[in-house]
């Protein structure tokens, strides 16, 4: 599994990285966590607000710092959580 943090290194990007690392550790899964800091590459993912989180090339969140537990839910196959409006609370889909 490849996890990418999409952002230029702001404090929120660093927090998302820490949360992703903690989620991977707690789930005891094999994952490569990388950072994409090039703005052009970030926009190629379709992310207009950082930080973003991509798993195996698919953006699952943008514009917010997911908590460790939100990331754990996504990584363990629970996917995104839909809110009352029917859209995802973490990525808006």
N, C-alpha and C. Protein backbone atom coordinates (compact mmCIF):
# COMPACT_ATOMS: atom_id res chain seq x y z
N UNK A 1 0.85 -1.17 0.00
CA UNK A 1 0.00 0.00 0.00
C UNK A 1 0.89 1.23 0.00
N UNK A 2 0.50 2.20 -0.80
CA UNK A 2 1.24 3.46 -0.87
C UNK A 2 0.33 4.59 -0.40
N UNK A 3 0.78 5.31 0.61
CA UNK A 3 0.04 6.44 1.15
C UNK A 3 0.84 7.69 0.83
N UNK A 4 0.16 8.69 0.26
CA UNK A 4 0.83 9.94 -0.07
C UNK A 4 0.14 11.10 0.62
N UNK A 5 0.97 11.94 1.24
CA UNK A 5 0.50 13.18 1.84
C UNK A 5 0.74 14.26 0.80
N UNK A 6 -0.32 14.94 0.40
CA UNK A 6 -0.24 15.97 -0.64
C UNK A 6 -0.27 17.34 0.02
N UNK A 7 0.86 18.02 -0.02
CA UNK A 7 0.94 19.34 0.59
C UNK A 7 2.37 19.86 0.58
N UNK A 8 2.50 21.13 0.84
CA UNK A 8 3.80 21.79 0.72
C UNK A 8 4.62 21.79 2.00
N UNK A 9 4.16 21.10 3.02
CA UNK A 9 4.93 21.03 4.26
C UNK A 9 4.44 21.93 5.37
N UNK A 10 3.22 22.40 5.26
CA UNK A 10 2.63 23.27 6.29
C UNK A 10 2.38 22.45 7.56
N UNK A 11 2.08 23.11 8.67
CA UNK A 11 1.80 22.38 9.92
C UNK A 11 0.67 21.35 9.78
N UNK A 12 -0.36 21.67 9.01
CA UNK A 12 -1.46 20.71 8.83
C UNK A 12 -0.99 19.48 8.06
N UNK A 13 -0.11 19.69 7.09
CA UNK A 13 0.44 18.57 6.33
C UNK A 13 1.27 17.68 7.24
N UNK A 14 2.04 18.30 8.11
CA UNK A 14 2.87 17.54 9.05
C UNK A 14 2.00 16.76 10.03
N UNK A 15 0.89 17.35 10.47
CA UNK A 15 -0.01 16.64 11.38
C UNK A 15 -0.67 15.46 10.68
N UNK A 16 -1.08 15.65 9.42
CA UNK A 16 -1.68 14.55 8.66
C UNK A 16 -0.67 13.42 8.49
N UNK A 17 0.59 13.77 8.24
CA UNK A 17 1.63 12.75 8.13
C UNK A 17 1.76 11.97 9.43
N UNK A 18 1.80 12.67 10.54
CA UNK A 18 1.91 12.01 11.85
C UNK A 18 0.70 11.11 12.12
N UNK A 19 -0.49 11.57 11.76
CA UNK A 19 -1.70 10.78 11.96
C UNK A 19 -1.69 9.53 11.09
N UNK A 20 -1.23 9.66 9.85
CA UNK A 20 -1.15 8.51 8.95
C UNK A 20 -0.13 7.50 9.47
N UNK A 21 1.01 7.99 9.92
CA UNK A 21 2.04 7.09 10.47
C UNK A 21 1.51 6.34 11.69
N UNK A 22 0.79 7.04 12.56
CA UNK A 22 0.23 6.41 13.76
C UNK A 22 -0.83 5.37 13.40
N UNK A 23 -1.66 5.68 12.40
CA UNK A 23 -2.70 4.74 11.97
C UNK A 23 -2.08 3.47 11.41
N UNK A 24 -1.06 3.62 10.58
CA UNK A 24 -0.38 2.47 9.99
C UNK A 24 0.25 1.61 11.10
N UNK A 25 0.88 2.28 12.04
CA UNK A 25 1.53 1.56 13.14
C UNK A 25 0.52 0.79 13.98
N UNK A 26 -0.60 1.45 14.33
CA UNK A 26 -1.61 0.79 15.16
C UNK A 26 -2.28 -0.37 14.45
N UNK A 27 -2.46 -0.25 13.14
CA UNK A 27 -3.07 -1.33 12.37
C UNK A 27 -2.07 -2.43 12.03
N UNK A 28 -0.79 -2.14 12.25
CA UNK A 28 0.28 -3.09 11.96
C UNK A 28 0.22 -3.57 10.50
N UNK A 29 0.11 -2.59 9.59
CA UNK A 29 0.07 -2.92 8.17
C UNK A 29 1.33 -2.41 7.48
N UNK A 30 1.64 -3.02 6.35
CA UNK A 30 2.77 -2.59 5.54
C UNK A 30 2.31 -1.45 4.64
N UNK A 31 2.93 -0.32 4.76
CA UNK A 31 2.57 0.82 3.91
C UNK A 31 3.78 1.72 3.75
N UNK A 32 3.92 2.23 2.56
CA UNK A 32 4.95 3.23 2.26
C UNK A 32 4.27 4.59 2.34
N UNK A 33 4.78 5.46 3.20
CA UNK A 33 4.21 6.80 3.33
C UNK A 33 5.17 7.79 2.70
N UNK A 34 4.68 8.50 1.69
CA UNK A 34 5.50 9.48 1.00
C UNK A 34 4.82 10.84 1.00
N UNK A 35 5.58 11.83 0.59
CA UNK A 35 5.06 13.20 0.53
C UNK A 35 5.18 13.71 -0.89
N UNK A 36 4.13 14.38 -1.34
CA UNK A 36 4.13 15.05 -2.63
C UNK A 36 4.05 16.54 -2.32
N UNK A 37 5.13 17.26 -2.60
CA UNK A 37 5.19 18.69 -2.26
C UNK A 37 5.16 19.59 -3.48
N UNK A 38 5.29 19.03 -4.66
CA UNK A 38 5.28 19.82 -5.89
C UNK A 38 3.84 20.22 -6.22
N UNK A 39 3.60 21.51 -6.30
CA UNK A 39 2.24 22.03 -6.54
C UNK A 39 1.64 21.46 -7.83
N UNK A 40 2.42 21.38 -8.88
CA UNK A 40 1.91 20.84 -10.15
C UNK A 40 1.45 19.40 -9.99
N UNK A 41 2.21 18.60 -9.26
CA UNK A 41 1.83 17.20 -9.05
C UNK A 41 0.59 17.11 -8.16
N UNK A 42 0.51 17.99 -7.17
CA UNK A 42 -0.66 17.99 -6.30
C UNK A 42 -1.92 18.31 -7.11
N UNK A 43 -1.83 19.30 -8.00
CA UNK A 43 -3.01 19.65 -8.81
C UNK A 43 -3.34 18.55 -9.81
N UNK A 44 -2.34 17.77 -10.23
CA UNK A 44 -2.63 16.63 -11.11
C UNK A 44 -3.54 15.62 -10.42
N UNK A 45 -3.46 15.55 -9.12
CA UNK A 45 -4.35 14.68 -8.35
C UNK A 45 -5.75 15.28 -8.25
N UNK A 46 -5.91 16.54 -8.63
CA UNK A 46 -7.19 17.20 -8.51
C UNK A 46 -7.40 17.86 -7.16
N UNK A 47 -6.34 17.96 -6.38
CA UNK A 47 -6.43 18.55 -5.04
C UNK A 47 -6.19 20.05 -5.15
N UNK A 48 -7.16 20.83 -4.70
CA UNK A 48 -7.05 22.28 -4.74
C UNK A 48 -6.82 22.86 -3.35
N UNK A 49 -7.12 22.07 -2.32
CA UNK A 49 -6.89 22.50 -0.93
C UNK A 49 -6.07 21.42 -0.24
N UNK A 50 -4.99 21.86 0.40
CA UNK A 50 -4.16 20.90 1.12
C UNK A 50 -4.47 20.98 2.61
N UNK A 51 -4.13 19.97 3.36
CA UNK A 51 -3.44 18.77 2.91
C UNK A 51 -4.39 17.79 2.24
N UNK A 52 -3.81 16.94 1.44
CA UNK A 52 -4.56 15.86 0.81
C UNK A 52 -3.95 14.53 1.20
N UNK A 53 -4.76 13.50 1.09
CA UNK A 53 -4.30 12.15 1.39
C UNK A 53 -4.72 11.24 0.25
N UNK A 54 -3.75 10.56 -0.33
CA UNK A 54 -4.02 9.61 -1.41
C UNK A 54 -3.55 8.23 -0.98
N UNK A 55 -4.34 7.23 -1.31
CA UNK A 55 -3.98 5.85 -1.02
C UNK A 55 -3.99 5.09 -2.33
N UNK A 56 -2.83 4.53 -2.65
CA UNK A 56 -2.65 3.81 -3.91
C UNK A 56 -3.12 4.64 -5.10
N UNK A 57 -2.78 5.93 -5.07
CA UNK A 57 -3.07 6.83 -6.18
C UNK A 57 -4.45 7.45 -6.18
N UNK A 58 -5.32 7.07 -5.24
CA UNK A 58 -6.67 7.61 -5.18
C UNK A 58 -6.78 8.59 -4.02
N UNK A 59 -7.22 9.81 -4.32
CA UNK A 59 -7.39 10.83 -3.28
C UNK A 59 -8.60 10.45 -2.43
N UNK A 60 -8.37 10.36 -1.12
CA UNK A 60 -9.46 10.04 -0.20
C UNK A 60 -9.82 11.21 0.70
N UNK A 61 -9.00 12.26 0.66
CA UNK A 61 -9.28 13.43 1.48
C UNK A 61 -8.52 14.62 0.94
N UNK A 62 -9.12 15.80 1.05
CA UNK A 62 -8.39 17.03 0.73
C UNK A 62 -8.98 18.17 1.54
N UNK A 63 -8.09 19.09 1.91
CA UNK A 63 -8.52 20.29 2.62
C UNK A 63 -8.77 20.12 4.10
N UNK A 64 -8.40 18.96 4.65
CA UNK A 64 -8.61 18.77 6.08
C UNK A 64 -7.60 17.78 6.62
N UNK A 65 -7.35 17.88 7.91
CA UNK A 65 -6.46 16.95 8.59
C UNK A 65 -7.33 15.82 9.15
N UNK A 66 -7.24 14.66 8.53
CA UNK A 66 -7.97 13.51 9.05
C UNK A 66 -7.34 13.07 10.37
N UNK A 67 -8.18 12.63 11.27
CA UNK A 67 -7.67 12.10 12.54
C UNK A 67 -7.07 10.72 12.30
N UNK A 68 -6.32 10.26 13.27
CA UNK A 68 -5.75 8.92 13.20
C UNK A 68 -6.87 7.89 13.03
N UNK A 69 -7.96 8.05 13.76
CA UNK A 69 -9.06 7.09 13.68
C UNK A 69 -9.77 7.13 12.33
N UNK A 70 -9.91 8.31 11.75
CA UNK A 70 -10.51 8.40 10.41
C UNK A 70 -9.63 7.67 9.40
N UNK A 71 -8.33 7.84 9.51
CA UNK A 71 -7.41 7.17 8.60
C UNK A 71 -7.45 5.66 8.82
N UNK A 72 -7.51 5.24 10.07
CA UNK A 72 -7.61 3.81 10.36
C UNK A 72 -8.86 3.20 9.72
N UNK A 73 -9.98 3.91 9.79
CA UNK A 73 -11.22 3.42 9.18
C UNK A 73 -11.05 3.24 7.68
N UNK A 74 -10.44 4.21 7.04
CA UNK A 74 -10.23 4.13 5.59
C UNK A 74 -9.28 2.99 5.25
N UNK A 75 -8.18 2.89 5.99
CA UNK A 75 -7.17 1.87 5.71
C UNK A 75 -7.68 0.46 5.96
N UNK A 76 -8.59 0.30 6.90
CA UNK A 76 -9.08 -1.03 7.19
C UNK A 76 -10.27 -1.42 6.33
N UNK A 77 -10.51 -0.65 5.28
CA UNK A 77 -11.54 -1.02 4.31
C UNK A 77 -12.91 -0.48 4.62
N UNK A 78 -13.01 0.31 5.69
CA UNK A 78 -14.30 0.89 6.04
C UNK A 78 -14.69 2.01 5.10
N UNK A 79 -13.74 2.46 4.32
CA UNK A 79 -14.00 3.55 3.39
C UNK A 79 -14.30 4.84 4.12
N UNK A 80 -14.87 5.73 3.41
CA UNK A 80 -15.21 7.03 3.97
C UNK A 80 -16.54 6.93 4.69
N UNK A 81 -16.74 7.81 5.62
CA UNK A 81 -17.99 7.83 6.35
C UNK A 81 -18.90 8.90 5.77
N UNK A 82 -20.12 8.48 5.40
CA UNK A 82 -21.07 9.43 4.84
C UNK A 82 -21.74 10.21 5.97
N UNK A 83 -21.96 11.49 5.72
CA UNK A 83 -22.66 12.29 6.72
C UNK A 83 -24.14 12.36 6.38
N UNK A 84 -24.90 13.16 7.12
CA UNK A 84 -26.35 13.22 6.92
C UNK A 84 -26.76 13.68 5.53
N UNK A 85 -25.90 14.44 4.86
CA UNK A 85 -26.25 14.92 3.52
C UNK A 85 -25.91 13.89 2.45
N UNK A 86 -25.34 12.75 2.86
CA UNK A 86 -25.00 11.71 1.90
C UNK A 86 -23.62 11.85 1.31
N UNK A 87 -22.90 12.89 1.69
CA UNK A 87 -21.54 13.03 1.19
C UNK A 87 -20.57 12.66 2.30
N UNK A 88 -19.36 12.39 1.90
CA UNK A 88 -18.35 11.94 2.85
C UNK A 88 -17.87 13.11 3.70
N UNK A 89 -17.70 12.85 4.98
CA UNK A 89 -17.20 13.88 5.89
C UNK A 89 -15.72 14.14 5.74
N UNK A 90 -14.99 13.19 5.12
CA UNK A 90 -13.55 13.40 5.02
C UNK A 90 -13.13 13.87 3.64
N UNK A 91 -13.80 13.41 2.60
CA UNK A 91 -13.32 13.79 1.27
C UNK A 91 -14.40 14.44 0.40
N UNK A 92 -15.64 14.48 0.88
CA UNK A 92 -16.69 15.18 0.15
C UNK A 92 -17.35 14.39 -0.96
N UNK A 93 -16.95 13.13 -1.18
CA UNK A 93 -17.54 12.34 -2.27
C UNK A 93 -18.84 11.71 -1.86
